[in-house]
Amino acid sequence: MLGSLKHARTAALAVAAALLGGLLTLGTPPAADAAVPATIPLTITNNSGRGDQVHVYVLGTSLTTGQQGWADAGGTFHPWPAGGIPPVPAPDASIPGPAAGRSTTIRIPKLSGRIYFSYGRKLDFRLATGGLVQPAVQNPSDPNHDILFNWSEYTLND
């Protein structure tokens, strides 16, 4: 049973990586019977063929505290400050991504959230009183409407 769960997890990550154009690859997952560490490595390889700067974001809800926030490249979680009405700019949570043909490894913490990446420009995240306002490309007035970006959802827990 544990072997099939590990296989299913690895297969799901492979599908997510394929959907992201090969941009993300997960480091070696822990053994099925091993304790899950506070962070795990995520290697980001830029095989896009684009010369644009890549920006990476690790955003979500901490499974330790229940707070919404972001993680830096070392995997340290930072809770979002209070939002407002109208929504106020969020702190810059971007992590510089690798240049074309290069790789970089970051640490991702125990979160349930998304790993965003954008090409050329940083994403504009806002905070409302209820939390983070996600980009909405279907909305022509969204400040991220003309930025090439995507995301993959993940949950890392025990």
C-alpha atoms as a PDB file:
ATOM      1  CA  MET A   1       0.000   0.000   0.000  1.00  0.00           C
ATOM      2  CA  LEU A   2       2.745   2.478   0.928  1.00  0.00           C
ATOM      3  CA  GLY A   3       4.560   1.741  -2.329  1.00  0.00           C
ATOM      4  CA  SER A   4       1.437   2.525  -4.343  1.00  0.00           C
ATOM      5  CA  LEU A   5       0.927   5.794  -2.432  1.00  0.00           C
ATOM      6  CA  LYS A   6       4.528   6.807  -3.126  1.00  0.00           C
ATOM      7  CA  HIS A   7       4.051   5.894  -6.803  1.00  0.00           C
ATOM      8  CA  ALA A   8       0.820   7.907  -6.981  1.00  0.00           C
ATOM      9  CA  ARG A   9       2.529  10.930  -5.399  1.00  0.00           C
ATOM     10  CA  THR A  10       5.470  10.694  -7.790  1.00  0.00           C
ATOM     11  CA  ALA A  11       3.126  10.286 -10.788  1.00  0.00           C
ATOM     12  CA  ALA A  12       1.048  13.313  -9.727  1.00  0.00           C
ATOM     13  CA  LEU A  13       4.188  15.434  -9.422  1.00  0.00           C
ATOM     14  CA  ALA A  14       5.370  14.272 -12.842  1.00  0.00           C
ATOM     15  CA  VAL A  15       2.038  15.300 -14.380  1.00  0.00           C
ATOM     16  CA  ALA A  16       2.249  18.714 -12.696  1.00  0.00           C
ATOM     17  CA  ALA A  17       5.810  19.180 -13.993  1.00  0.00           C
ATOM     18  CA  ALA A  18       4.716  18.252 -17.522  1.00  0.00           C
ATOM     19  CA  LEU A  19       1.867  20.750 -17.361  1.00  0.00           C
ATOM     20  CA  LEU A  20       4.322  23.446 -16.344  1.00  0.00           C
ATOM     21  CA  GLY A  21       6.486  22.855 -19.406  1.00  0.00           C
ATOM     22  CA  GLY A  22       9.196  21.069 -17.451  1.00  0.00           C
ATOM     23  CA  LEU A  23       9.880  24.148 -15.335  1.00  0.00           C
ATOM     24  CA  LEU A  24       9.575  22.402 -11.957  1.00  0.00           C
ATOM     25  CA  THR A  25      11.098  19.157 -10.756  1.00  0.00           C
ATOM     26  CA  LEU A  26      10.902  17.797  -7.237  1.00  0.00           C
ATOM     27  CA  GLY A  27      13.981  16.639  -5.370  1.00  0.00           C
ATOM     28  CA  THR A  28      14.070  13.114  -3.969  1.00  0.00           C
ATOM     29  CA  PRO A  29      10.931  12.593  -1.885  1.00  0.00           C
ATOM     30  CA  PRO A  30      11.339  11.150   1.602  1.00  0.00           C
ATOM     31  CA  ALA A  31      10.849   7.405   2.046  1.00  0.00           C
ATOM     32  CA  ALA A  32       7.233   6.429   2.671  1.00  0.00           C
ATOM     33  CA  ASP A  33       7.940   5.523   6.306  1.00  0.00           C
ATOM     34  CA  ALA A  34      10.216   8.515   7.031  1.00  0.00           C
ATOM     35  CA  ALA A  35       9.067  11.634   8.848  1.00  0.00           C
ATOM     36  CA  VAL A  36       8.355  14.537   6.517  1.00  0.00           C
ATOM     37  CA  PRO A  37      10.923  17.301   7.120  1.00  0.00           C
ATOM     38  CA  ALA A  38       9.855  20.926   7.663  1.00  0.00           C
ATOM     39  CA  THR A  39      10.970  21.759   4.089  1.00  0.00           C
ATOM     40  CA  ILE A  40      11.878  19.784   0.995  1.00  0.00           C
ATOM     41  CA  PRO A  41      13.973  20.810  -2.039  1.00  0.00           C
ATOM     42  CA  LEU A  42      12.330  21.842  -5.289  1.00  0.00           C
ATOM     43  CA  THR A  43      14.597  22.226  -8.309  1.00  0.00           C
ATOM     44  CA  ILE A  44      13.390  24.687 -10.925  1.00  0.00           C
ATOM     45  CA  THR A  45      14.872  24.209 -14.397  1.00  0.00           C
ATOM     46  CA  ASN A  46      14.151  26.790 -17.065  1.00  0.00           C
ATOM     47  CA  ASN A  47      13.703  24.804 -20.274  1.00  0.00           C
ATOM     48  CA  SER A  48      11.272  27.367 -21.659  1.00  0.00           C
ATOM     49  CA  GLY A  49      13.584  28.658 -24.385  1.00  0.00           C
ATOM     50  CA  ARG A  50      12.578  32.175 -23.320  1.00  0.00           C
ATOM     51  CA  GLY A  51      15.132  34.799 -22.349  1.00  0.00           C
ATOM     52  CA  ASP A  52      12.746  36.531 -19.938  1.00  0.00           C
ATOM     53  CA  GLN A  53      13.482  36.695 -16.221  1.00  0.00           C
ATOM     54  CA  VAL A  54      11.502  34.035 -14.324  1.00  0.00           C
ATOM     55  CA  HIS A  55       9.888  34.958 -11.007  1.00  0.00           C
ATOM     56  CA  VAL A  56       8.775  32.196  -8.599  1.00  0.00           C
ATOM     57  CA  TYR A  57       6.300  32.473  -5.713  1.00  0.00           C
ATOM     58  CA  VAL A  58       5.492  29.926  -2.991  1.00  0.00           C
ATOM     59  CA  LEU A  59       2.138  30.966  -1.504  1.00  0.00           C
ATOM     60  CA  GLY A  60      -0.359  29.219   0.725  1.00  0.00           C
ATOM     61  CA  THR A  61      -1.706  28.365   4.139  1.00  0.00           C
ATOM     62  CA  SER A  62       0.733  27.138   6.774  1.00  0.00           C
ATOM     63  CA  LEU A  63      -0.206  23.677   7.970  1.00  0.00           C
ATOM     64  CA  THR A  64       1.528  24.489  11.250  1.00  0.00           C
ATOM     65  CA  THR A  65      -0.169  27.802  12.128  1.00  0.00           C
ATOM     66  CA  GLY A  66      -3.155  28.027   9.751  1.00  0.00           C
ATOM     67  CA  GLN A  67      -1.981  31.473   8.592  1.00  0.00           C
ATOM     68  CA  GLN A  68      -1.902  32.545   4.959  1.00  0.00           C
ATOM     69  CA  GLY A  69       1.432  33.786   3.633  1.00  0.00           C
ATOM     70  CA  TRP A  70       4.449  33.094   1.445  1.00  0.00           C
ATOM     71  CA  ALA A  71       7.773  31.306   1.713  1.00  0.00           C
ATOM     72  CA  ASP A  72      11.180  32.624   0.700  1.00  0.00           C
ATOM     73  CA  ALA A  73      13.787  30.602  -1.222  1.00  0.00           C
ATOM     74  CA  GLY A  74      15.039  29.007   2.000  1.00  0.00           C
ATOM     75  CA  GLY A  75      11.561  27.769   2.907  1.00  0.00           C
ATOM     76  CA  THR A  76      10.931  30.255   5.719  1.00  0.00           C
ATOM     77  CA  PHE A  77       7.221  31.060   6.003  1.00  0.00           C
ATOM     78  CA  HIS A  78       6.104  34.714   6.273  1.00  0.00           C
ATOM     79  CA  PRO A  79       2.470  35.504   7.167  1.00  0.00           C
ATOM     80  CA  TRP A  80       0.726  38.137   5.081  1.00  0.00           C
ATOM     81  CA  PRO A  81       0.074  41.455   6.819  1.00  0.00           C
ATOM     82  CA  ALA A  82      -3.497  42.688   7.168  1.00  0.00           C
ATOM     83  CA  GLY A  83      -5.314  43.511   3.945  1.00  0.00           C
ATOM     84  CA  GLY A  84      -7.723  46.311   3.181  1.00  0.00           C
ATOM     85  CA  ILE A  85     -10.696  47.533   1.196  1.00  0.00           C
ATOM     86  CA  PRO A  86      -9.892  48.202  -1.549  1.00  0.00           C
ATOM     87  CA  PRO A  87      -7.184  45.513  -1.610  1.00  0.00           C
ATOM     88  CA  VAL A  88      -3.686  46.789  -0.813  1.00  0.00           C
ATOM     89  CA  PRO A  89      -0.391  45.680  -2.437  1.00  0.00           C
ATOM     90  CA  ALA A  90       1.078  42.530  -0.897  1.00  0.00           C
ATOM     91  CA  PRO A  91       4.764  42.393   0.034  1.00  0.00           C
ATOM     92  CA  ASP A  92       7.050  41.310  -2.797  1.00  0.00           C
ATOM     93  CA  ALA A  93       7.118  37.520  -2.356  1.00  0.00           C
ATOM     94  CA  SER A  94       9.026  36.795  -5.561  1.00  0.00           C
ATOM     95  CA  ILE A  95      12.031  34.518  -5.716  1.00  0.00           C
ATOM     96  CA  PRO A  96      14.414  35.070  -8.656  1.00  0.00           C
ATOM     97  CA  GLY A  97      14.102  32.080 -10.975  1.00  0.00           C
ATOM     98  CA  PRO A  98      16.780  30.543 -13.181  1.00  0.00           C
ATOM     99  CA  ALA A  99      17.871  31.970 -16.526  1.00  0.00           C
ATOM    100  CA  ALA A 100      17.144  29.990 -19.705  1.00  0.00           C
ATOM    101  CA  GLY A 101      18.879  26.610 -19.611  1.00  0.00           C
ATOM    102  CA  ARG A 102      19.775  26.937 -15.918  1.00  0.00           C
ATOM    103  CA  SER A 103      18.435  25.465 -12.672  1.00  0.00           C
ATOM    104  CA  THR A 104      18.024  26.655  -9.121  1.00  0.00           C
ATOM    105  CA  THR A 105      16.853  24.823  -6.018  1.00  0.00           C
ATOM    106  CA  ILE A 106      14.581  26.340  -3.408  1.00  0.00           C
ATOM    107  CA  ARG A 107      13.040  24.830  -0.267  1.00  0.00           C
ATOM    108  CA  ILE A 108       9.276  24.503   0.046  1.00  0.00           C
ATOM    109  CA  PRO A 109       7.682  24.284   3.508  1.00  0.00           C
ATOM    110  CA  LYS A 110       4.652  22.472   4.826  1.00  0.00           C
ATOM    111  CA  LEU A 111       1.932  24.456   3.099  1.00  0.00           C
ATOM    112  CA  SER A 112      -1.233  23.918   1.194  1.00  0.00           C
ATOM    113  CA  GLY A 113      -1.048  26.384  -1.644  1.00  0.00           C
ATOM    114  CA  ARG A 114       0.413  27.231  -5.001  1.00  0.00           C
ATOM    115  CA  ILE A 115       3.780  27.714  -6.628  1.00  0.00           C
ATOM    116  CA  TYR A 116       3.373  30.485  -9.196  1.00  0.00           C
ATOM    117  CA  PHE A 117       5.886  31.463 -11.829  1.00  0.00           C
ATOM    118  CA  SER A 118       5.853  34.375 -14.242  1.00  0.00           C
ATOM    119  CA  TYR A 119       7.985  35.382 -17.200  1.00  0.00           C
ATOM    120  CA  GLY A 120       9.320  38.873 -17.775  1.00  0.00           C
ATOM    121  CA  ARG A 121       7.410  40.714 -15.040  1.00  0.00           C
ATOM    122  CA  LYS A 122       6.582  40.123 -11.413  1.00  0.00           C
ATOM    123  CA  LEU A 123       3.003  39.286 -10.526  1.00  0.00           C
ATOM    124  CA  ASP A 124       0.941  41.919  -8.724  1.00  0.00           C
ATOM    125  CA  PHE A 125      -0.617  40.308  -5.639  1.00  0.00           C
ATOM    126  CA  ARG A 126      -3.069  42.202  -3.447  1.00  0.00           C
ATOM    127  CA  LEU A 127      -4.429  41.645   0.056  1.00  0.00           C
ATOM    128  CA  ALA A 128      -8.094  42.137   0.897  1.00  0.00           C
ATOM    129  CA  THR A 129      -9.494  41.915   4.419  1.00  0.00           C
ATOM    130  CA  GLY A 130     -10.175  38.200   3.779  1.00  0.00           C
ATOM    131  CA  GLY A 131      -6.676  37.391   2.520  1.00  0.00           C
ATOM    132  CA  LEU A 132      -4.791  37.119  -0.767  1.00  0.00           C
ATOM    133  CA  VAL A 133      -6.419  38.164  -4.040  1.00  0.00           C
ATOM    134  CA  GLN A 134      -5.300  35.645  -6.670  1.00  0.00           C
ATOM    135  CA  PRO A 135      -4.589  36.798 -10.251  1.00  0.00           C
ATOM    136  CA  ALA A 136      -7.614  36.493 -12.558  1.00  0.00           C
ATOM    137  CA  VAL A 137      -6.601  36.488 -16.224  1.00  0.00           C
ATOM    138  CA  GLN A 138     -10.240  36.390 -17.323  1.00  0.00           C
ATOM    139  CA  ASN A 139     -10.639  39.876 -15.809  1.00  0.00           C
ATOM    140  CA  PRO A 140      -9.256  42.478 -18.274  1.00  0.00           C
ATOM    141  CA  SER A 141      -8.769  44.971 -15.423  1.00  0.00           C
ATOM    142  CA  ASP A 142      -6.598  42.564 -13.397  1.00  0.00           C
ATOM    143  CA  PRO A 143      -3.040  43.994 -13.244  1.00  0.00           C
ATOM    144  CA  ASN A 144      -1.680  40.531 -14.173  1.00  0.00           C
ATOM    145  CA  HIS A 145      -3.824  40.219 -17.304  1.00  0.00           C
ATOM    146  CA  ASP A 146      -0.896  40.710 -19.717  1.00  0.00           C
ATOM    147  CA  ILE A 147       1.745  38.735 -17.764  1.00  0.00           C
ATOM    148  CA  LEU A 148       2.618  35.204 -18.878  1.00  0.00           C
ATOM    149  CA  PHE A 149       2.266  33.073 -15.743  1.00  0.00           C
ATOM    150  CA  ASN A 150       1.052  29.747 -14.430  1.00  0.00           C
ATOM    151  CA  TRP A 151       0.939  27.803 -11.188  1.00  0.00           C
ATOM    152  CA  SER A 152       0.882  24.367  -9.671  1.00  0.00           C
ATOM    153  CA  GLU A 153      -0.957  23.513  -6.481  1.00  0.00           C
ATOM    154  CA  TYR A 154       0.698  21.483  -3.758  1.00  0.00           C
ATOM    155  CA  THR A 155       0.240  20.285  -0.222  1.00  0.00           C
ATOM    156  CA  LEU A 156       3.181  19.132   1.855  1.00  0.00           C
ATOM    157  CA  ASN A 157       2.107  17.602   5.129  1.00  0.00           C
ATOM    158  CA  ASP A 158       2.864  14.687   7.416  1.00  0.00           C
END
